[in-house]
Amino acid sequence: MDGQMQLKQWIEDSENIVFFGGAGVSTESGIPDFRSQDGLYNQQYKYPPETIISHSFYLKNPEEFYRFYKNKMLFPEAKPNAAHLALAKLEQQGKLKAVITQNIDGLHQAAGSREVLELHGSVHRNYCTRCGKSYTLGDVMKAEGVPRCSCGGIIKPDVVLYEEGLDMEVLKKAVFYISHADVLIVGGTSLTVYPAAGLIDYYKGSRLALINKSVTPMDSRADLVISGKIGEVLGNIV
């Protein structure tokens, strides 16, 4: 049986599927994975992306942080692709219990998914670091330079920067879903970014499916490895 047929069978037989995904889930919506784009950024910016989107850099140089963030991390025109839509459909059918994502673009919710655990936060939530007032993505996009609150404080995106810890409540829920899952589908992630990648270790079942365009460190542990674009694969199956 080929990989896609096998996964289709698992999905049909299961009522407790969990999906764990990374940047590759959104590339088919036109959002580039900046890890594979380093060269491009180095031509335009004096620092590597990992430095610019770190907590200490944000504090020291909010102007440069926001220049990069607005140019390279915000894609308000992006629409959900076949992967997002397939996952939302599986949730509506009562099969998929949660989507756990490393992405910050909100496309899973835009596709109709309800139980979405955003490990790295979301560009759609922004708040004043002084008074806590909430702002939308549109507010941040409209602002010239560094977005400021009506109180004068700087508005920060609710996105986990390098050097910042993940939200413990979100992590705990992710561990719960993964450890109780019957089928775990992992897609569009290189599984090299910790602590997120370490979540896979909580899965104790025997139906771990990896869908990715390139090889990952977890391939040997998976029960099924499908090489390809995740939107195409899930779009064919669901």
C-alpha atoms as a PDB file:
ATOM      1  CA  MET A   1       0.000   0.000   0.000  1.00  0.00           C
ATOM      2  CA  ASP A   2       1.444   3.393  -0.878  1.00  0.00           C
ATOM      3  CA  GLY A   3       1.888   6.090   1.767  1.00  0.00           C
ATOM      4  CA  GLN A   4      -1.104   8.212   0.838  1.00  0.00           C
ATOM      5  CA  MET A   5      -3.447   5.217   0.791  1.00  0.00           C
ATOM      6  CA  GLN A   6      -2.111   4.123   4.163  1.00  0.00           C
ATOM      7  CA  LEU A   7      -2.676   7.577   5.669  1.00  0.00           C
ATOM      8  CA  LYS A   8      -6.174   7.730   4.171  1.00  0.00           C
ATOM      9  CA  GLN A   9      -6.945   4.412   5.893  1.00  0.00           C
ATOM     10  CA  TRP A  10      -5.625   5.643   9.232  1.00  0.00           C
ATOM     11  CA  ILE A  11      -7.736   8.824   8.961  1.00  0.00           C
ATOM     12  CA  GLU A  12     -10.850   6.804   8.110  1.00  0.00           C
ATOM     13  CA  ASP A  13     -10.296   4.491  11.082  1.00  0.00           C
ATOM     14  CA  SER A  14      -9.531   7.197  13.651  1.00  0.00           C
ATOM     15  CA  GLU A  15     -11.569   9.619  15.752  1.00  0.00           C
ATOM     16  CA  ASN A  16      -8.572  11.054  17.575  1.00  0.00           C
ATOM     17  CA  ILE A  17      -6.136  12.660  15.133  1.00  0.00           C
ATOM     18  CA  VAL A  18      -3.748  15.469  16.064  1.00  0.00           C
ATOM     19  CA  PHE A  19      -1.836  17.554  13.529  1.00  0.00           C
ATOM     20  CA  PHE A  20       1.510  19.221  14.251  1.00  0.00           C
ATOM     21  CA  GLY A  21       2.808  21.615  11.591  1.00  0.00           C
ATOM     22  CA  GLY A  22       5.423  24.198  10.716  1.00  0.00           C
ATOM     23  CA  ALA A  23       6.344  26.733   8.048  1.00  0.00           C
ATOM     24  CA  GLY A  24       5.894  24.272   5.167  1.00  0.00           C
ATOM     25  CA  VAL A  25       2.137  24.298   5.792  1.00  0.00           C
ATOM     26  CA  SER A  26       1.988  27.968   4.768  1.00  0.00           C
ATOM     27  CA  THR A  27       4.466  28.030   1.875  1.00  0.00           C
ATOM     28  CA  GLU A  28       1.696  26.916  -0.500  1.00  0.00           C
ATOM     29  CA  SER A  29      -0.185  30.069   0.553  1.00  0.00           C
ATOM     30  CA  GLY A  30       2.775  32.155  -0.636  1.00  0.00           C
ATOM     31  CA  ILE A  31       4.383  32.689   2.780  1.00  0.00           C
ATOM     32  CA  PRO A  32       8.123  31.963   2.472  1.00  0.00           C
ATOM     33  CA  ASP A  33       9.976  29.938   5.077  1.00  0.00           C
ATOM     34  CA  PHE A  34      12.629  32.440   6.082  1.00  0.00           C
ATOM     35  CA  ARG A  35      15.053  29.681   7.143  1.00  0.00           C
ATOM     36  CA  SER A  36      15.458  28.810   3.494  1.00  0.00           C
ATOM     37  CA  GLN A  37      15.746  32.462   2.507  1.00  0.00           C
ATOM     38  CA  ASP A  38      18.740  33.598   4.554  1.00  0.00           C
ATOM     39  CA  GLY A  39      20.775  34.793   1.605  1.00  0.00           C
ATOM     40  CA  LEU A  40      18.029  37.122   0.467  1.00  0.00           C
ATOM     41  CA  TYR A  41      17.743  38.830   3.836  1.00  0.00           C
ATOM     42  CA  ASN A  42      21.445  39.240   4.332  1.00  0.00           C
ATOM     43  CA  GLN A  43      21.532  41.454   1.254  1.00  0.00           C
ATOM     44  CA  GLN A  44      18.937  43.831   2.676  1.00  0.00           C
ATOM     45  CA  TYR A  45      19.634  43.716   6.407  1.00  0.00           C
ATOM     46  CA  LYS A  46      22.795  44.161   8.446  1.00  0.00           C
ATOM     47  CA  TYR A  47      21.840  41.267  10.733  1.00  0.00           C
ATOM     48  CA  PRO A  48      20.609  37.692  10.229  1.00  0.00           C
ATOM     49  CA  PRO A  49      16.845  37.132  10.739  1.00  0.00           C
ATOM     50  CA  GLU A  50      17.418  35.199  13.981  1.00  0.00           C
ATOM     51  CA  THR A  51      19.128  38.267  15.459  1.00  0.00           C
ATOM     52  CA  ILE A  52      16.516  40.769  14.285  1.00  0.00           C
ATOM     53  CA  ILE A  53      13.580  38.816  15.652  1.00  0.00           C
ATOM     54  CA  SER A  54      15.158  38.274  19.064  1.00  0.00           C
ATOM     55  CA  HIS A  55      13.835  39.817  22.264  1.00  0.00           C
ATOM     56  CA  SER A  56      17.021  41.775  23.000  1.00  0.00           C
ATOM     57  CA  PHE A  57      17.177  43.216  19.461  1.00  0.00           C
ATOM     58  CA  TYR A  58      13.493  44.223  19.644  1.00  0.00           C
ATOM     59  CA  LEU A  59      14.207  46.130  22.870  1.00  0.00           C
ATOM     60  CA  LYS A  60      17.406  47.778  21.580  1.00  0.00           C
ATOM     61  CA  ASN A  61      16.362  48.561  18.030  1.00  0.00           C
ATOM     62  CA  PRO A  62      12.569  48.524  17.592  1.00  0.00           C
ATOM     63  CA  GLU A  63      12.788  50.542  14.332  1.00  0.00           C
ATOM     64  CA  GLU A  64      14.917  47.923  12.566  1.00  0.00           C
ATOM     65  CA  PHE A  65      12.879  45.108  14.150  1.00  0.00           C
ATOM     66  CA  TYR A  66       9.651  46.551  12.762  1.00  0.00           C
ATOM     67  CA  ARG A  67      11.173  47.250   9.348  1.00  0.00           C
ATOM     68  CA  PHE A  68      12.034  43.554   9.017  1.00  0.00           C
ATOM     69  CA  TYR A  69       8.819  42.335  10.687  1.00  0.00           C
ATOM     70  CA  LYS A  70       6.537  44.344   8.391  1.00  0.00           C
ATOM     71  CA  ASN A  71       8.515  43.516   5.229  1.00  0.00           C
ATOM     72  CA  LYS A  72       9.198  39.847   5.802  1.00  0.00           C
ATOM     73  CA  MET A  73       6.797  38.393   8.361  1.00  0.00           C
ATOM     74  CA  LEU A  74       3.404  39.883   7.567  1.00  0.00           C
ATOM     75  CA  PHE A  75       1.343  38.496   4.694  1.00  0.00           C
ATOM     76  CA  PRO A  76      -2.162  39.920   5.178  1.00  0.00           C
ATOM     77  CA  GLU A  77      -3.227  38.880   1.666  1.00  0.00           C
ATOM     78  CA  ALA A  78      -2.374  35.180   2.197  1.00  0.00           C
ATOM     79  CA  LYS A  79      -5.276  32.734   1.943  1.00  0.00           C
ATOM     80  CA  PRO A  80      -5.594  29.229   3.433  1.00  0.00           C
ATOM     81  CA  ASN A  81      -4.426  26.446   1.106  1.00  0.00           C
ATOM     82  CA  ALA A  82      -5.545  22.836   0.631  1.00  0.00           C
ATOM     83  CA  ALA A  83      -3.717  21.703   3.800  1.00  0.00           C
ATOM     84  CA  HIS A  84      -5.482  24.245   6.053  1.00  0.00           C
ATOM     85  CA  LEU A  85      -8.855  23.426   4.460  1.00  0.00           C
ATOM     86  CA  ALA A  86      -8.381  19.647   4.765  1.00  0.00           C
ATOM     87  CA  LEU A  87      -7.529  19.943   8.471  1.00  0.00           C
ATOM     88  CA  ALA A  88     -10.543  22.171   9.142  1.00  0.00           C
ATOM     89  CA  LYS A  89     -12.734  19.602   7.373  1.00  0.00           C
ATOM     90  CA  LEU A  90     -11.349  16.744   9.494  1.00  0.00           C
ATOM     91  CA  GLU A  91     -12.125  18.734  12.643  1.00  0.00           C
ATOM     92  CA  GLN A  92     -15.705  19.375  11.446  1.00  0.00           C
ATOM     93  CA  GLN A  93     -16.060  15.616  10.883  1.00  0.00           C
ATOM     94  CA  GLY A  94     -15.097  15.058  14.533  1.00  0.00           C
ATOM     95  CA  LYS A  95     -11.885  13.235  13.617  1.00  0.00           C
ATOM     96  CA  LEU A  96      -9.218  15.876  14.267  1.00  0.00           C
ATOM     97  CA  LYS A  97      -8.964  17.033  17.886  1.00  0.00           C
ATOM     98  CA  ALA A  98      -6.358  19.796  17.542  1.00  0.00           C
ATOM     99  CA  VAL A  99      -3.952  21.603  15.242  1.00  0.00           C
ATOM    100  CA  ILE A 100      -0.653  22.454  16.893  1.00  0.00           C
ATOM    101  CA  THR A 101       1.277  24.974  14.821  1.00  0.00           C
ATOM    102  CA  GLN A 102       4.605  26.789  14.840  1.00  0.00           C
ATOM    103  CA  ASN A 103       3.148  29.334  12.401  1.00  0.00           C
ATOM    104  CA  ILE A 104       2.017  32.812  13.392  1.00  0.00           C
ATOM    105  CA  ASP A 105      -0.134  33.643  10.345  1.00  0.00           C
ATOM    106  CA  GLY A 106      -3.596  32.635  11.598  1.00  0.00           C
ATOM    107  CA  LEU A 107      -4.384  30.702   8.397  1.00  0.00           C
ATOM    108  CA  HIS A 108      -5.678  27.634  10.258  1.00  0.00           C
ATOM    109  CA  GLN A 109      -8.364  29.769  11.907  1.00  0.00           C
ATOM    110  CA  ALA A 110      -9.093  31.497   8.594  1.00  0.00           C
ATOM    111  CA  ALA A 111      -9.763  28.042   7.102  1.00  0.00           C
ATOM    112  CA  GLY A 112     -12.247  27.255   9.879  1.00  0.00           C
ATOM    113  CA  SER A 113     -10.157  25.306  12.402  1.00  0.00           C
ATOM    114  CA  ARG A 114     -11.298  25.981  15.956  1.00  0.00           C
ATOM    115  CA  GLU A 115      -8.889  24.159  18.271  1.00  0.00           C
ATOM    116  CA  VAL A 116      -5.585  25.709  17.171  1.00  0.00           C
ATOM    117  CA  LEU A 117      -2.629  25.823  19.551  1.00  0.00           C
ATOM    118  CA  GLU A 118      -0.196  28.500  18.376  1.00  0.00           C
ATOM    119  CA  LEU A 119       3.181  27.634  19.897  1.00  0.00           C
ATOM    120  CA  HIS A 120       4.804  30.817  18.596  1.00  0.00           C
ATOM    121  CA  GLY A 121       1.862  33.216  18.949  1.00  0.00           C
ATOM    122  CA  SER A 122       0.033  35.160  16.246  1.00  0.00           C
ATOM    123  CA  VAL A 123       0.532  38.310  14.168  1.00  0.00           C
ATOM    124  CA  HIS A 124      -3.193  38.967  14.618  1.00  0.00           C
ATOM    125  CA  ARG A 125      -2.810  39.717  18.332  1.00  0.00           C
ATOM    126  CA  ASN A 126      -0.837  42.792  19.362  1.00  0.00           C
ATOM    127  CA  TYR A 127      -0.737  44.674  22.624  1.00  0.00           C
ATOM    128  CA  CYS A 128       0.688  47.807  24.197  1.00  0.00           C
ATOM    129  CA  THR A 129       3.648  46.920  26.393  1.00  0.00           C
ATOM    130  CA  ARG A 130       2.755  49.807  28.707  1.00  0.00           C
ATOM    131  CA  CYS A 131      -1.018  49.635  29.246  1.00  0.00           C
ATOM    132  CA  GLY A 132      -1.923  46.260  27.682  1.00  0.00           C
ATOM    133  CA  LYS A 133      -4.473  47.609  25.181  1.00  0.00           C
ATOM    134  CA  SER A 134      -5.094  45.236  22.256  1.00  0.00           C
ATOM    135  CA  TYR A 135      -4.453  46.094  18.609  1.00  0.00           C
ATOM    136  CA  THR A 136      -5.157  44.313  15.323  1.00  0.00           C
ATOM    137  CA  LEU A 137      -2.792  43.343  12.512  1.00  0.00           C
ATOM    138  CA  GLY A 138      -4.317  46.213  10.507  1.00  0.00           C
ATOM    139  CA  ASP A 139      -3.344  48.720  13.205  1.00  0.00           C
ATOM    140  CA  VAL A 140       0.266  47.533  13.071  1.00  0.00           C
ATOM    141  CA  MET A 141       0.356  47.588   9.262  1.00  0.00           C
ATOM    142  CA  LYS A 142      -0.993  51.152   9.119  1.00  0.00           C
ATOM    143  CA  ALA A 143       1.471  52.582  11.643  1.00  0.00           C
ATOM    144  CA  GLU A 144       4.502  54.467  10.338  1.00  0.00           C
ATOM    145  CA  GLY A 145       7.699  52.984  11.759  1.00  0.00           C
ATOM    146  CA  VAL A 146       7.266  51.658  15.298  1.00  0.00           C
ATOM    147  CA  PRO A 147       3.553  51.304  16.135  1.00  0.00           C
ATOM    148  CA  ARG A 148       2.551  53.160  19.279  1.00  0.00           C
ATOM    149  CA  CYS A 149      -0.472  53.000  21.543  1.00  0.00           C
ATOM    150  CA  SER A 150      -2.686  55.990  22.302  1.00  0.00           C
ATOM    151  CA  CYS A 151      -0.926  56.025  25.709  1.00  0.00           C
ATOM    152  CA  GLY A 152       2.471  56.369  24.015  1.00  0.00           C
ATOM    153  CA  GLY A 153       3.683  52.838  24.728  1.00  0.00           C
ATOM    154  CA  ILE A 154       5.157  50.578  22.042  1.00  0.00           C
ATOM    155  CA  ILE A 155       2.816  47.965  20.546  1.00  0.00           C
ATOM    156  CA  LYS A 156       4.352  44.478  20.478  1.00  0.00           C
ATOM    157  CA  PRO A 157       3.082  41.551  18.419  1.00  0.00           C
ATOM    158  CA  ASP A 158       1.998  38.525  20.463  1.00  0.00           C
ATOM    159  CA  VAL A 159       4.682  36.495  18.716  1.00  0.00           C
ATOM    160  CA  VAL A 160       7.344  34.455  20.504  1.00  0.00           C
ATOM    161  CA  LEU A 161      10.708  35.999  19.633  1.00  0.00           C
ATOM    162  CA  TYR A 162      14.066  34.266  19.974  1.00  0.00           C
ATOM    163  CA  GLU A 163      15.159  34.321  23.659  1.00  0.00           C
ATOM    164  CA  GLU A 164      11.517  34.301  24.786  1.00  0.00           C
ATOM    165  CA  GLY A 165       9.867  31.261  26.354  1.00  0.00           C
ATOM    166  CA  LEU A 166       6.820  29.513  24.949  1.00  0.00           C
ATOM    167  CA  ASP A 167       3.469  29.928  26.697  1.00  0.00           C
ATOM    168  CA  MET A 168       3.302  27.149  29.313  1.00  0.00           C
ATOM    169  CA  GLU A 169      -0.490  26.752  29.041  1.00  0.00           C
ATOM    170  CA  VAL A 170      -0.288  26.267  25.267  1.00  0.00           C
ATOM    171  CA  LEU A 171       2.582  23.783  25.708  1.00  0.00           C
ATOM    172  CA  LYS A 172       0.674  21.821  28.340  1.00  0.00           C
ATOM    173  CA  LYS A 173      -2.374  21.539  26.083  1.00  0.00           C
ATOM    174  CA  ALA A 174      -0.169  20.471  23.158  1.00  0.00           C
ATOM    175  CA  VAL A 175       1.431  17.739  25.293  1.00  0.00           C
ATOM    176  CA  PHE A 176      -2.027  16.552  26.371  1.00  0.00           C
ATOM    177  CA  TYR A 177      -3.346  16.295  22.811  1.00  0.00           C
ATOM    178  CA  ILE A 178      -0.215  14.623  21.432  1.00  0.00           C
ATOM    179  CA  SER A 179       0.092  12.104  24.264  1.00  0.00           C
ATOM    180  CA  HIS A 180      -3.569  11.073  23.866  1.00  0.00           C
ATOM    181  CA  ALA A 181      -3.606  10.990  20.055  1.00  0.00           C
ATOM    182  CA  ASP A 182      -4.393   7.857  18.136  1.00  0.00           C
ATOM    183  CA  VAL A 183      -2.897   9.204  14.879  1.00  0.00           C
ATOM    184  CA  LEU A 184      -0.295  11.993  14.855  1.00  0.00           C
ATOM    185  CA  ILE A 185       0.291  13.726  11.515  1.00  0.00           C
ATOM    186  CA  VAL A 186       3.380  15.935  11.367  1.00  0.00           C
ATOM    187  CA  GLY A 187       3.860  18.141   8.330  1.00  0.00           C
ATOM    188  CA  GLY A 188       5.786  21.032   6.872  1.00  0.00           C
ATOM    189  CA  THR A 189       8.340  21.202   9.647  1.00  0.00           C
ATOM    190  CA  SER A 190      12.051  20.407   9.688  1.00  0.00           C
ATOM    191  CA  LEU A 191      11.660  19.267  13.328  1.00  0.00           C
ATOM    192  CA  THR A 192      14.843  21.097  14.278  1.00  0.00           C
ATOM    193  CA  VAL A 193      13.396  24.004  16.302  1.00  0.00           C
ATOM    194  CA  TYR A 194      13.185  23.267  20.015  1.00  0.00           C
ATOM    195  CA  PRO A 195      11.291  23.130  22.297  1.00  0.00           C
ATOM    196  CA  ALA A 196       8.534  22.683  19.704  1.00  0.00           C
ATOM    197  CA  ALA A 197      10.155  19.700  17.944  1.00  0.00           C
ATOM    198  CA  GLY A 198      10.513  17.901  21.283  1.00  0.00           C
ATOM    199  CA  LEU A 199       6.724  17.646  21.533  1.00  0.00           C
ATOM    200  CA  ILE A 200       6.782  14.676  19.143  1.00  0.00           C
ATOM    201  CA  ASP A 201       8.416  12.656  21.949  1.00  0.00           C
ATOM    202  CA  TYR A 202       5.115  12.699  23.854  1.00  0.00           C
ATOM    203  CA  TYR A 203       3.419  10.602  21.190  1.00  0.00           C
ATOM    204  CA  LYS A 204       3.317   6.971  22.295  1.00  0.00           C
ATOM    205  CA  GLY A 205       1.136   5.522  19.519  1.00  0.00           C
ATOM    206  CA  SER A 206       2.083   3.530  16.450  1.00  0.00           C
ATOM    207  CA  ARG A 207       0.628   5.751  13.723  1.00  0.00           C
ATOM    208  CA  LEU A 208       3.013   8.663  13.352  1.00  0.00           C
ATOM    209  CA  ALA A 209       2.883  10.074   9.814  1.00  0.00           C
ATOM    210  CA  LEU A 210       5.456  12.583   8.557  1.00  0.00           C
ATOM    211  CA  ILE A 211       4.676  14.636   5.449  1.00  0.00           C
ATOM    212  CA  ASN A 212       7.551  16.815   4.303  1.00  0.00           C
ATOM    213  CA  LYS A 213       9.404  17.868   1.176  1.00  0.00           C
ATOM    214  CA  SER A 214      12.798  17.155   2.755  1.00  0.00           C
ATOM    215  CA  VAL A 215      14.258  14.616   5.154  1.00  0.00           C
ATOM    216  CA  THR A 216      13.844  15.280   8.907  1.00  0.00           C
ATOM    217  CA  PRO A 217      15.724  13.934  11.952  1.00  0.00           C
ATOM    218  CA  MET A 218      12.520  12.072  12.921  1.00  0.00           C
ATOM    219  CA  ASP A 219      12.069  10.098   9.679  1.00  0.00           C
ATOM    220  CA  SER A 220      13.471   6.909  11.198  1.00  0.00           C
ATOM    221  CA  ARG A 221      11.021   7.131  14.107  1.00  0.00           C
ATOM    222  CA  ALA A 222       7.935   7.653  11.946  1.00  0.00           C
ATOM    223  CA  ASP A 223       5.597   4.803  11.056  1.00  0.00           C
ATOM    224  CA  LEU A 224       4.910   6.436   7.704  1.00  0.00           C
ATOM    225  CA  VAL A 225       6.945   9.000   5.726  1.00  0.00           C
ATOM    226  CA  ILE A 226       5.376  10.766   2.753  1.00  0.00           C
ATOM    227  CA  SER A 227       7.589  13.009   0.669  1.00  0.00           C
ATOM    228  CA  GLY A 228       5.751  15.910  -0.958  1.00  0.00           C
ATOM    229  CA  LYS A 229       3.901  19.172  -0.504  1.00  0.00           C
ATOM    230  CA  ILE A 230       1.537  18.919   2.407  1.00  0.00           C
ATOM    231  CA  GLY A 231      -1.343  20.751   0.665  1.00  0.00           C
ATOM    232  CA  GLU A 232      -1.226  18.345  -2.253  1.00  0.00           C
ATOM    233  CA  VAL A 233      -0.999  15.283  -0.021  1.00  0.00           C
ATOM    234  CA  LEU A 234      -3.807  16.223   2.383  1.00  0.00           C
ATOM    235  CA  GLY A 235      -5.886  17.684  -0.442  1.00  0.00           C
ATOM    236  CA  ASN A 236      -5.773  14.298  -2.213  1.00  0.00           C
ATOM    237  CA  ILE A 237      -6.670  12.311   0.890  1.00  0.00           C
ATOM    238  CA  VAL A 238      -9.353  14.353   2.675  1.00  0.00           C
END
